[in-house]
Amino acid sequence: MSEQTDPSTGEWAAAHSPVVVGIDGSEGSTSALDWAAREAARTGADLRLVAVVEERHRPRFPPRLGQDDAMKLLDRLAASVQDRVPAAQVYTEVHHGPASAAILEHLGHARLLVVGKRGLSALPRLIVGSTSLAVAGRATVPVAVVPTGWDEAEHEGSPIIVGVDPYRESRRLLQLAFRRAERLGVPLMAVHGWEAPGAPVWSDSPVDEWERESHERFHALLVHWRERYPDVDLRPVASSHHPAMAVLDEAEKDGQLVVLGRRSSHRTLGFPFGSVTRAVLHYSTVPVLVVPTAED
């Protein structure tokens, strides 16, 4: 299938590029599948369901899928989404090996990877699963991490939130966020957080001036994007909180998706210590789309 995407309205440009969703039999992967199926239906893309069979070296909860179990599960789930995605555009694959490595190895020409947010914490909103974190930190394509139980239908008119660093502008990140907001007809909250280091900040102190400069650069950066996408309801938010907290605050109000960049594209590194994107992934209760931006 060849996708005909208007470059002014569609954020995915590559032809024959499927939406890939990781399936492990958990409730979290079911939520991810629902999100992925909606995305495939909106863009006319193929949908590829992928499960990974790992070696059973020791007991684990939840148990890993076996080959037969994985194939049966994928067949059942593929049938469940054919009311949204035509059967001819739904594919299933079973791979072997460590989950994150197998998924990354077999991404192929995917336009997007979707995984569930599933950790071992008793609090579902804390601690993103290790596989989800690994693929989000290393994939060469955007990765959507979807919380367990997320119902996108309840948030269709809600804003998209994009985190902006005015000192490291990412054309790919902002273009994707603006095009998605334009296509869906929803507001775009562009969020910039700046927290003063160390001691409290008094008016006219050097640190206070640094914050003012940071916010000014943020607003100046958005001028070009506002002109380029005049139909997008852009709502800038300049916060005095840490960037991760600023993004989470806006997302918690009524967001449908958080869009964040990931600067490192080295497949063995993942997220660096102190990464804003990693922090948001851990605590967000809405889906987070992680966009590799190393080519900028």
C-alpha atoms as a PDB file:
ATOM      1  CA  MET A   1       0.000   0.000   0.000  1.00  0.00           C
ATOM      2  CA  SER A   2       1.329   3.451  -0.904  1.00  0.00           C
ATOM      3  CA  GLU A   3       0.253   6.281   1.350  1.00  0.00           C
ATOM      4  CA  GLN A   4      -0.649   9.605  -0.290  1.00  0.00           C
ATOM      5  CA  THR A   5       0.108  12.148   2.417  1.00  0.00           C
ATOM      6  CA  ASP A   6      -0.253  15.891   1.961  1.00  0.00           C
ATOM      7  CA  PRO A   7       3.021  17.279   3.358  1.00  0.00           C
ATOM      8  CA  SER A   8       1.130  20.164   4.964  1.00  0.00           C
ATOM      9  CA  THR A   9      -1.242  17.975   6.944  1.00  0.00           C
ATOM     10  CA  GLY A  10       0.310  14.557   7.546  1.00  0.00           C
ATOM     11  CA  GLU A  11       3.152  13.969   9.952  1.00  0.00           C
ATOM     12  CA  TRP A  12       4.150  10.653   8.392  1.00  0.00           C
ATOM     13  CA  ALA A  13       5.763  10.977   4.971  1.00  0.00           C
ATOM     14  CA  ALA A  14       7.219   7.555   4.113  1.00  0.00           C
ATOM     15  CA  ALA A  15       5.301   5.193   1.834  1.00  0.00           C
ATOM     16  CA  HIS A  16       4.631   1.549   2.765  1.00  0.00           C
ATOM     17  CA  SER A  17       5.353   2.416   6.401  1.00  0.00           C
ATOM     18  CA  PRO A  18       3.265   0.517   8.966  1.00  0.00           C
ATOM     19  CA  VAL A  19       2.317   1.343  12.514  1.00  0.00           C
ATOM     20  CA  VAL A  20       3.971  -1.365  14.644  1.00  0.00           C
ATOM     21  CA  VAL A  21       2.593  -2.310  18.064  1.00  0.00           C
ATOM     22  CA  GLY A  22       4.316  -4.512  20.636  1.00  0.00           C
ATOM     23  CA  ILE A  23       2.073  -7.178  22.188  1.00  0.00           C
ATOM     24  CA  ASP A  24       2.871  -9.134  25.379  1.00  0.00           C
ATOM     25  CA  GLY A  25      -0.578 -10.266  26.498  1.00  0.00           C
ATOM     26  CA  SER A  26      -0.910  -7.642  29.236  1.00  0.00           C
ATOM     27  CA  GLU A  27      -3.707  -5.120  29.652  1.00  0.00           C
ATOM     28  CA  GLY A  28      -1.151  -2.458  28.839  1.00  0.00           C
ATOM     29  CA  SER A  29      -0.468  -3.868  25.394  1.00  0.00           C
ATOM     30  CA  THR A  30      -4.227  -4.014  24.735  1.00  0.00           C
ATOM     31  CA  SER A  31      -4.424  -0.257  25.375  1.00  0.00           C
ATOM     32  CA  ALA A  32      -1.440   0.228  23.087  1.00  0.00           C
ATOM     33  CA  LEU A  33      -3.146  -1.826  20.374  1.00  0.00           C
ATOM     34  CA  ASP A  34      -6.285   0.302  20.561  1.00  0.00           C
ATOM     35  CA  TRP A  35      -4.194   3.480  20.227  1.00  0.00           C
ATOM     36  CA  ALA A  36      -2.192   2.015  17.337  1.00  0.00           C
ATOM     37  CA  ALA A  37      -5.306   0.823  15.496  1.00  0.00           C
ATOM     38  CA  ARG A  38      -6.837   4.288  15.704  1.00  0.00           C
ATOM     39  CA  GLU A  39      -3.625   5.812  14.367  1.00  0.00           C
ATOM     40  CA  ALA A  40      -3.457   3.338  11.481  1.00  0.00           C
ATOM     41  CA  ALA A  41      -7.111   3.973  10.622  1.00  0.00           C
ATOM     42  CA  ARG A  42      -6.625   7.754  10.624  1.00  0.00           C
ATOM     43  CA  THR A  43      -3.616   7.671   8.322  1.00  0.00           C
ATOM     44  CA  GLY A  44      -4.522   4.694   6.122  1.00  0.00           C
ATOM     45  CA  ALA A  45      -1.406   2.841   7.268  1.00  0.00           C
ATOM     46  CA  ASP A  46      -0.873  -0.882   7.662  1.00  0.00           C
ATOM     47  CA  LEU A  47      -0.917  -2.210  11.229  1.00  0.00           C
ATOM     48  CA  ARG A  48       1.677  -4.762  12.332  1.00  0.00           C
ATOM     49  CA  LEU A  49       1.252  -6.652  15.629  1.00  0.00           C
ATOM     50  CA  VAL A  50       4.527  -8.001  17.016  1.00  0.00           C
ATOM     51  CA  ALA A  51       5.066 -10.441  19.889  1.00  0.00           C
ATOM     52  CA  VAL A  52       8.394 -11.684  21.228  1.00  0.00           C
ATOM     53  CA  VAL A  53       9.055 -15.149  22.626  1.00  0.00           C
ATOM     54  CA  GLU A  54      11.851 -15.048  25.209  1.00  0.00           C
ATOM     55  CA  GLU A  55      13.834 -17.872  26.799  1.00  0.00           C
ATOM     56  CA  ARG A  56      12.352 -19.156  30.063  1.00  0.00           C
ATOM     57  CA  HIS A  57      15.398 -19.238  32.292  1.00  0.00           C
ATOM     58  CA  ARG A  58      13.427 -18.697  35.510  1.00  0.00           C
ATOM     59  CA  PRO A  59       9.834 -18.153  36.641  1.00  0.00           C
ATOM     60  CA  ARG A  60       8.489 -14.685  35.996  1.00  0.00           C
ATOM     61  CA  PHE A  61       5.274 -12.799  36.661  1.00  0.00           C
ATOM     62  CA  PRO A  62       3.583 -12.146  34.328  1.00  0.00           C
ATOM     63  CA  PRO A  63       4.759 -15.271  32.454  1.00  0.00           C
ATOM     64  CA  ARG A  64       6.396 -14.875  29.068  1.00  0.00           C
ATOM     65  CA  LEU A  65       4.516 -15.917  25.964  1.00  0.00           C
ATOM     66  CA  GLY A  66       5.340 -19.223  24.299  1.00  0.00           C
ATOM     67  CA  GLN A  67       5.341 -19.617  20.502  1.00  0.00           C
ATOM     68  CA  ASP A  68       1.862 -21.163  20.234  1.00  0.00           C
ATOM     69  CA  ASP A  69       0.400 -18.791  22.810  1.00  0.00           C
ATOM     70  CA  ALA A  70       1.861 -15.808  21.006  1.00  0.00           C
ATOM     71  CA  MET A  71       0.455 -16.837  17.636  1.00  0.00           C
ATOM     72  CA  LYS A  72      -3.012 -17.454  19.053  1.00  0.00           C
ATOM     73  CA  LEU A  73      -2.980 -14.162  20.921  1.00  0.00           C
ATOM     74  CA  LEU A  74      -1.918 -12.201  17.852  1.00  0.00           C
ATOM     75  CA  ASP A  75      -4.586 -13.833  15.688  1.00  0.00           C
ATOM     76  CA  ARG A  76      -7.263 -12.975  18.223  1.00  0.00           C
ATOM     77  CA  LEU A  77      -6.133  -9.390  18.654  1.00  0.00           C
ATOM     78  CA  ALA A  78      -5.719  -8.883  14.896  1.00  0.00           C
ATOM     79  CA  ALA A  79      -9.334  -9.941  14.405  1.00  0.00           C
ATOM     80  CA  SER A  80     -10.461  -7.527  17.140  1.00  0.00           C
ATOM     81  CA  VAL A  81      -9.251  -4.422  15.263  1.00  0.00           C
ATOM     82  CA  GLN A  82     -10.557  -5.267  11.801  1.00  0.00           C
ATOM     83  CA  ASP A  83     -13.592  -3.082  12.371  1.00  0.00           C
ATOM     84  CA  ARG A  84     -11.160  -0.140  12.142  1.00  0.00           C
ATOM     85  CA  VAL A  85      -8.314  -1.423   9.965  1.00  0.00           C
ATOM     86  CA  PRO A  86      -9.088  -3.632   6.919  1.00  0.00           C
ATOM     87  CA  ALA A  87      -7.972  -7.239   7.336  1.00  0.00           C
ATOM     88  CA  ALA A  88      -5.673  -6.914   4.308  1.00  0.00           C
ATOM     89  CA  GLN A  89      -3.734  -4.202   6.157  1.00  0.00           C
ATOM     90  CA  VAL A  90      -3.266  -6.090   9.449  1.00  0.00           C
ATOM     91  CA  TYR A  91      -0.208  -8.318   9.885  1.00  0.00           C
ATOM     92  CA  THR A  92       1.214 -10.359  12.742  1.00  0.00           C
ATOM     93  CA  GLU A  93       4.782 -11.394  13.562  1.00  0.00           C
ATOM     94  CA  VAL A  94       6.396 -13.520  16.282  1.00  0.00           C
ATOM     95  CA  HIS A  95      10.096 -13.038  17.011  1.00  0.00           C
ATOM     96  CA  HIS A  96      12.543 -14.610  19.467  1.00  0.00           C
ATOM     97  CA  GLY A  97      15.062 -13.117  21.876  1.00  0.00           C
ATOM     98  CA  PRO A  98      15.147 -10.344  24.470  1.00  0.00           C
ATOM     99  CA  ALA A  99      12.011  -8.253  23.966  1.00  0.00           C
ATOM    100  CA  SER A 100      13.493  -4.812  23.386  1.00  0.00           C
ATOM    101  CA  ALA A 101      16.310  -6.071  21.137  1.00  0.00           C
ATOM    102  CA  ALA A 102      13.925  -8.182  19.051  1.00  0.00           C
ATOM    103  CA  ILE A 103      11.461  -5.334  18.571  1.00  0.00           C
ATOM    104  CA  LEU A 104      14.182  -2.871  17.569  1.00  0.00           C
ATOM    105  CA  GLU A 105      15.796  -5.366  15.213  1.00  0.00           C
ATOM    106  CA  HIS A 106      12.563  -5.989  13.332  1.00  0.00           C
ATOM    107  CA  LEU A 107      11.188  -2.455  13.070  1.00  0.00           C
ATOM    108  CA  GLY A 108      11.987  -2.373   9.364  1.00  0.00           C
ATOM    109  CA  HIS A 109      10.482   0.679   7.694  1.00  0.00           C
ATOM    110  CA  ALA A 110       7.961   1.408  10.421  1.00  0.00           C
ATOM    111  CA  ARG A 111       6.683   4.955  10.696  1.00  0.00           C
ATOM    112  CA  LEU A 112       5.786   4.545  14.362  1.00  0.00           C
ATOM    113  CA  LEU A 113       6.213   2.036  17.181  1.00  0.00           C
ATOM    114  CA  VAL A 114       3.538   1.779  19.883  1.00  0.00           C
ATOM    115  CA  VAL A 115       4.095   0.017  23.223  1.00  0.00           C
ATOM    116  CA  GLY A 116       2.238  -0.169  26.497  1.00  0.00           C
ATOM    117  CA  LYS A 117       3.437   1.485  29.667  1.00  0.00           C
ATOM    118  CA  ARG A 118       3.721  -1.414  32.080  1.00  0.00           C
ATOM    119  CA  GLY A 119       6.007  -1.557  35.108  1.00  0.00           C
ATOM    120  CA  LEU A 120       6.274  -3.602  38.286  1.00  0.00           C
ATOM    121  CA  SER A 121       5.164  -0.804  40.607  1.00  0.00           C
ATOM    122  CA  ALA A 122       2.019  -1.175  42.685  1.00  0.00           C
ATOM    123  CA  LEU A 123       1.180   2.338  41.494  1.00  0.00           C
ATOM    124  CA  PRO A 124       0.360   2.044  37.774  1.00  0.00           C
ATOM    125  CA  ARG A 125       1.419   5.616  36.961  1.00  0.00           C
ATOM    126  CA  LEU A 126       4.949   5.042  38.276  1.00  0.00           C
ATOM    127  CA  ILE A 127       7.862   3.216  36.685  1.00  0.00           C
ATOM    128  CA  VAL A 128       7.490   2.628  32.992  1.00  0.00           C
ATOM    129  CA  GLY A 129       8.293  -0.957  31.966  1.00  0.00           C
ATOM    130  CA  SER A 130      11.898  -1.763  31.103  1.00  0.00           C
ATOM    131  CA  THR A 131      11.055  -2.872  27.554  1.00  0.00           C
ATOM    132  CA  SER A 132       9.029   0.277  26.878  1.00  0.00           C
ATOM    133  CA  LEU A 133      11.808   2.472  28.239  1.00  0.00           C
ATOM    134  CA  ALA A 134      14.467   0.629  26.240  1.00  0.00           C
ATOM    135  CA  VAL A 135      12.711   0.909  22.884  1.00  0.00           C
ATOM    136  CA  ALA A 136      11.646   4.522  23.470  1.00  0.00           C
ATOM    137  CA  GLY A 137      15.265   5.402  24.243  1.00  0.00           C
ATOM    138  CA  ARG A 138      16.827   3.612  21.269  1.00  0.00           C
ATOM    139  CA  ALA A 139      14.387   3.321  18.366  1.00  0.00           C
ATOM    140  CA  THR A 140      15.146   5.204  15.174  1.00  0.00           C
ATOM    141  CA  VAL A 141      11.429   5.952  14.693  1.00  0.00           C
ATOM    142  CA  PRO A 142       8.973   7.794  16.975  1.00  0.00           C
ATOM    143  CA  VAL A 143       7.716   5.635  19.846  1.00  0.00           C
ATOM    144  CA  ALA A 144       4.322   6.098  21.517  1.00  0.00           C
ATOM    145  CA  VAL A 145       4.115   4.788  25.100  1.00  0.00           C
ATOM    146  CA  VAL A 146       0.468   4.285  26.079  1.00  0.00           C
ATOM    147  CA  PRO A 147      -0.674   3.940  29.720  1.00  0.00           C
ATOM    148  CA  THR A 148      -2.723   0.928  30.760  1.00  0.00           C
ATOM    149  CA  GLY A 149      -6.444   1.628  30.530  1.00  0.00           C
ATOM    150  CA  TRP A 150      -6.081   4.712  28.340  1.00  0.00           C
ATOM    151  CA  ASP A 151      -9.245   5.393  26.316  1.00  0.00           C
ATOM    152  CA  GLU A 152      -8.386   7.742  23.469  1.00  0.00           C
ATOM    153  CA  ALA A 153     -12.045   8.203  22.524  1.00  0.00           C
ATOM    154  CA  GLU A 154     -12.533  10.168  25.757  1.00  0.00           C
ATOM    155  CA  HIS A 155      -9.807  12.663  24.804  1.00  0.00           C
ATOM    156  CA  GLU A 156     -10.315  13.234  21.065  1.00  0.00           C
ATOM    157  CA  GLY A 157     -10.744  17.008  21.418  1.00  0.00           C
ATOM    158  CA  SER A 158      -8.069  17.478  24.056  1.00  0.00           C
ATOM    159  CA  PRO A 159      -4.842  19.416  23.383  1.00  0.00           C
ATOM    160  CA  ILE A 160      -1.509  17.983  22.315  1.00  0.00           C
ATOM    161  CA  ILE A 161       1.398  19.025  24.538  1.00  0.00           C
ATOM    162  CA  VAL A 162       4.866  19.489  23.061  1.00  0.00           C
ATOM    163  CA  GLY A 163       7.932  20.165  25.189  1.00  0.00           C
ATOM    164  CA  VAL A 164      10.158  22.883  23.715  1.00  0.00           C
ATOM    165  CA  ASP A 165      13.801  23.634  24.497  1.00  0.00           C
ATOM    166  CA  PRO A 166      14.572  26.994  22.810  1.00  0.00           C
ATOM    167  CA  TYR A 167      18.300  26.295  22.989  1.00  0.00           C
ATOM    168  CA  ARG A 168      17.979  22.995  21.123  1.00  0.00           C
ATOM    169  CA  GLU A 169      15.276  23.562  18.535  1.00  0.00           C
ATOM    170  CA  SER A 170      14.202  20.356  16.814  1.00  0.00           C
ATOM    171  CA  ARG A 171      12.565  20.856  13.442  1.00  0.00           C
ATOM    172  CA  ARG A 172      11.388  17.238  13.314  1.00  0.00           C
ATOM    173  CA  LEU A 173       9.809  17.381  16.768  1.00  0.00           C
ATOM    174  CA  LEU A 174       7.933  20.648  16.202  1.00  0.00           C
ATOM    175  CA  GLN A 175       6.876  19.749  12.680  1.00  0.00           C
ATOM    176  CA  LEU A 176       5.382  16.486  13.881  1.00  0.00           C
ATOM    177  CA  ALA A 177       3.534  18.191  16.755  1.00  0.00           C
ATOM    178  CA  PHE A 178       2.151  21.000  14.589  1.00  0.00           C
ATOM    179  CA  ARG A 179       1.087  18.688  11.774  1.00  0.00           C
ATOM    180  CA  ARG A 180      -0.647  16.348  14.164  1.00  0.00           C
ATOM    181  CA  ALA A 181      -2.522  19.195  15.869  1.00  0.00           C
ATOM    182  CA  GLU A 182      -3.514  20.541  12.436  1.00  0.00           C
ATOM    183  CA  ARG A 183      -4.697  17.143  11.205  1.00  0.00           C
ATOM    184  CA  LEU A 184      -6.745  16.437  14.332  1.00  0.00           C
ATOM    185  CA  GLY A 185      -8.027  20.006  14.706  1.00  0.00           C
ATOM    186  CA  VAL A 186      -6.990  20.290  18.364  1.00  0.00           C
ATOM    187  CA  PRO A 187      -5.035  22.940  20.316  1.00  0.00           C
ATOM    188  CA  LEU A 188      -1.267  22.627  20.635  1.00  0.00           C
ATOM    189  CA  MET A 189       0.256  23.519  24.007  1.00  0.00           C
ATOM    190  CA  ALA A 190       3.920  24.422  23.496  1.00  0.00           C
ATOM    191  CA  VAL A 191       5.540  24.157  26.933  1.00  0.00           C
ATOM    192  CA  HIS A 192       8.889  25.524  28.085  1.00  0.00           C
ATOM    193  CA  GLY A 193      10.045  25.009  31.656  1.00  0.00           C
ATOM    194  CA  TRP A 194      12.969  26.751  33.319  1.00  0.00           C
ATOM    195  CA  GLU A 195      13.810  26.161  36.964  1.00  0.00           C
ATOM    196  CA  ALA A 196      16.444  28.309  38.673  1.00  0.00           C
ATOM    197  CA  PRO A 197      19.345  26.245  40.024  1.00  0.00           C
ATOM    198  CA  GLY A 198      20.105  26.274  43.724  1.00  0.00           C
ATOM    199  CA  ALA A 199      19.072  29.235  45.882  1.00  0.00           C
ATOM    200  CA  PRO A 200      15.834  31.249  45.589  1.00  0.00           C
ATOM    201  CA  VAL A 201      15.797  33.879  42.840  1.00  0.00           C
ATOM    202  CA  TRP A 202      15.326  37.574  43.610  1.00  0.00           C
ATOM    203  CA  SER A 203      14.221  40.143  41.051  1.00  0.00           C
ATOM    204  CA  ASP A 204      17.012  41.463  38.810  1.00  0.00           C
ATOM    205  CA  SER A 205      19.476  38.782  39.928  1.00  0.00           C
ATOM    206  CA  PRO A 206      21.632  37.221  37.169  1.00  0.00           C
ATOM    207  CA  VAL A 207      19.647  33.984  37.415  1.00  0.00           C
ATOM    208  CA  ASP A 208      16.393  35.910  37.066  1.00  0.00           C
ATOM    209  CA  GLU A 209      17.753  37.508  33.894  1.00  0.00           C
ATOM    210  CA  TRP A 210      18.695  34.080  32.535  1.00  0.00           C
ATOM    211  CA  GLU A 211      15.123  32.919  33.002  1.00  0.00           C
ATOM    212  CA  ARG A 212      13.742  35.985  31.201  1.00  0.00           C
ATOM    213  CA  GLU A 213      16.137  35.364  28.313  1.00  0.00           C
ATOM    214  CA  SER A 214      15.120  31.719  28.133  1.00  0.00           C
ATOM    215  CA  HIS A 215      11.417  32.565  27.960  1.00  0.00           C
ATOM    216  CA  GLU A 216      12.061  35.258  25.340  1.00  0.00           C
ATOM    217  CA  ARG A 217      13.925  32.769  23.151  1.00  0.00           C
ATOM    218  CA  PHE A 218      11.029  30.335  23.564  1.00  0.00           C
ATOM    219  CA  HIS A 219       8.431  32.861  22.354  1.00  0.00           C
ATOM    220  CA  ALA A 220      10.689  34.024  19.512  1.00  0.00           C
ATOM    221  CA  LEU A 221      11.190  30.464  18.310  1.00  0.00           C
ATOM    222  CA  LEU A 222       7.434  29.950  18.042  1.00  0.00           C
ATOM    223  CA  VAL A 223       6.910  32.976  15.770  1.00  0.00           C
ATOM    224  CA  HIS A 224       8.085  31.030  12.705  1.00  0.00           C
ATOM    225  CA  TRP A 225       5.939  28.014  13.541  1.00  0.00           C
ATOM    226  CA  ARG A 226       2.853  30.129  14.189  1.00  0.00           C
ATOM    227  CA  GLU A 227       3.271  31.692  10.728  1.00  0.00           C
ATOM    228  CA  ARG A 228       3.834  28.332   9.093  1.00  0.00           C
ATOM    229  CA  TYR A 229       0.765  26.744  10.701  1.00  0.00           C
ATOM    230  CA  PRO A 230      -1.769  29.590  11.045  1.00  0.00           C
ATOM    231  CA  ASP A 231      -4.694  27.189  11.451  1.00  0.00           C
ATOM    232  CA  VAL A 232      -3.222  25.580  14.577  1.00  0.00           C
ATOM    233  CA  ASP A 233      -4.513  26.948  17.876  1.00  0.00           C
ATOM    234  CA  LEU A 234      -1.074  27.432  19.436  1.00  0.00           C
ATOM    235  CA  ARG A 235      -1.022  28.081  23.184  1.00  0.00           C
ATOM    236  CA  PRO A 236       2.486  28.831  24.536  1.00  0.00           C
ATOM    237  CA  VAL A 237       3.198  28.095  28.208  1.00  0.00           C
ATOM    238  CA  ALA A 238       6.399  29.499  29.752  1.00  0.00           C
ATOM    239  CA  SER A 239       6.830  28.024  33.226  1.00  0.00           C
ATOM    240  CA  SER A 240       9.207  28.646  36.128  1.00  0.00           C
ATOM    241  CA  HIS A 241       9.074  24.951  37.013  1.00  0.00           C
ATOM    242  CA  HIS A 242      11.415  22.165  35.950  1.00  0.00           C
ATOM    243  CA  PRO A 243      10.770  21.235  32.277  1.00  0.00           C
ATOM    244  CA  ALA A 244       9.420  17.785  33.186  1.00  0.00           C
ATOM    245  CA  MET A 245       7.046  19.224  35.791  1.00  0.00           C
ATOM    246  CA  ALA A 246       5.905  21.962  33.405  1.00  0.00           C
ATOM    247  CA  VAL A 247       5.000  19.376  30.755  1.00  0.00           C
ATOM    248  CA  LEU A 248       3.312  17.044  33.251  1.00  0.00           C
ATOM    249  CA  ASP A 249       1.264  19.904  34.725  1.00  0.00           C
ATOM    250  CA  GLU A 250      -0.231  20.718  31.321  1.00  0.00           C
ATOM    251  CA  ALA A 251      -0.733  17.072  30.376  1.00  0.00           C
ATOM    252  CA  GLU A 252      -2.616  16.352  33.612  1.00  0.00           C
ATOM    253  CA  LYS A 253      -5.150  19.114  32.923  1.00  0.00           C
ATOM    254  CA  ASP A 254      -6.637  17.456  29.851  1.00  0.00           C
ATOM    255  CA  GLY A 255      -3.983  16.323  27.385  1.00  0.00           C
ATOM    256  CA  GLN A 256      -4.425  13.618  24.766  1.00  0.00           C
ATOM    257  CA  LEU A 257      -0.725  13.224  23.916  1.00  0.00           C
ATOM    258  CA  VAL A 258       2.669  14.529  25.049  1.00  0.00           C
ATOM    259  CA  VAL A 259       5.292  14.938  22.300  1.00  0.00           C
ATOM    260  CA  LEU A 260       8.937  15.084  23.400  1.00  0.00           C
ATOM    261  CA  GLY A 261      12.309  14.830  21.729  1.00  0.00           C
ATOM    262  CA  ARG A 262      15.157  12.428  22.390  1.00  0.00           C
ATOM    263  CA  ARG A 263      18.512  13.782  21.294  1.00  0.00           C
ATOM    264  CA  SER A 264      20.640  10.633  21.412  1.00  0.00           C
ATOM    265  CA  SER A 265      20.155   8.306  18.442  1.00  0.00           C
ATOM    266  CA  HIS A 266      22.868   5.808  19.454  1.00  0.00           C
ATOM    267  CA  ARG A 267      21.045   2.499  19.786  1.00  0.00           C
ATOM    268  CA  THR A 268      23.140   1.368  22.779  1.00  0.00           C
ATOM    269  CA  LEU A 269      22.785   4.494  24.898  1.00  0.00           C
ATOM    270  CA  GLY A 270      19.091   5.181  25.447  1.00  0.00           C
ATOM    271  CA  PHE A 271      18.125   8.053  27.730  1.00  0.00           C
ATOM    272  CA  PRO A 272      20.897   9.931  29.559  1.00  0.00           C
ATOM    273  CA  PHE A 273      20.751  10.470  33.318  1.00  0.00           C
ATOM    274  CA  GLY A 274      18.506  13.418  34.130  1.00  0.00           C
ATOM    275  CA  SER A 275      16.592  13.216  30.834  1.00  0.00           C
ATOM    276  CA  VAL A 276      13.385  15.269  30.845  1.00  0.00           C
ATOM    277  CA  THR A 277      11.763  12.813  28.436  1.00  0.00           C
ATOM    278  CA  ARG A 278      12.593   9.856  30.664  1.00  0.00           C
ATOM    279  CA  ALA A 279      11.113  11.638  33.703  1.00  0.00           C
ATOM    280  CA  VAL A 280       7.904  12.424  31.833  1.00  0.00           C
ATOM    281  CA  LEU A 281       7.630   8.826  30.633  1.00  0.00           C
ATOM    282  CA  HIS A 282       7.762   7.586  34.219  1.00  0.00           C
ATOM    283  CA  TYR A 283       5.053   9.864  35.589  1.00  0.00           C
ATOM    284  CA  SER A 284       2.729  10.731  32.715  1.00  0.00           C
ATOM    285  CA  THR A 285      -0.811   9.385  32.832  1.00  0.00           C
ATOM    286  CA  VAL A 286      -1.383  10.218  29.142  1.00  0.00           C
ATOM    287  CA  PRO A 287       0.394   8.733  26.105  1.00  0.00           C
ATOM    288  CA  VAL A 288       3.885  10.065  25.374  1.00  0.00           C
ATOM    289  CA  LEU A 289       5.324  10.194  21.860  1.00  0.00           C
ATOM    290  CA  VAL A 290       9.132  10.136  21.905  1.00  0.00           C
ATOM    291  CA  VAL A 291      10.694  11.558  18.748  1.00  0.00           C
ATOM    292  CA  PRO A 292      14.391  10.925  17.900  1.00  0.00           C
ATOM    293  CA  THR A 293      15.853  14.248  16.831  1.00  0.00           C
ATOM    294  CA  ALA A 294      19.551  13.575  16.248  1.00  0.00           C
ATOM    295  CA  GLU A 295      19.336  14.443  12.561  1.00  0.00           C
ATOM    296  CA  ASP A 296      18.528  18.099  13.321  1.00  0.00           C
END
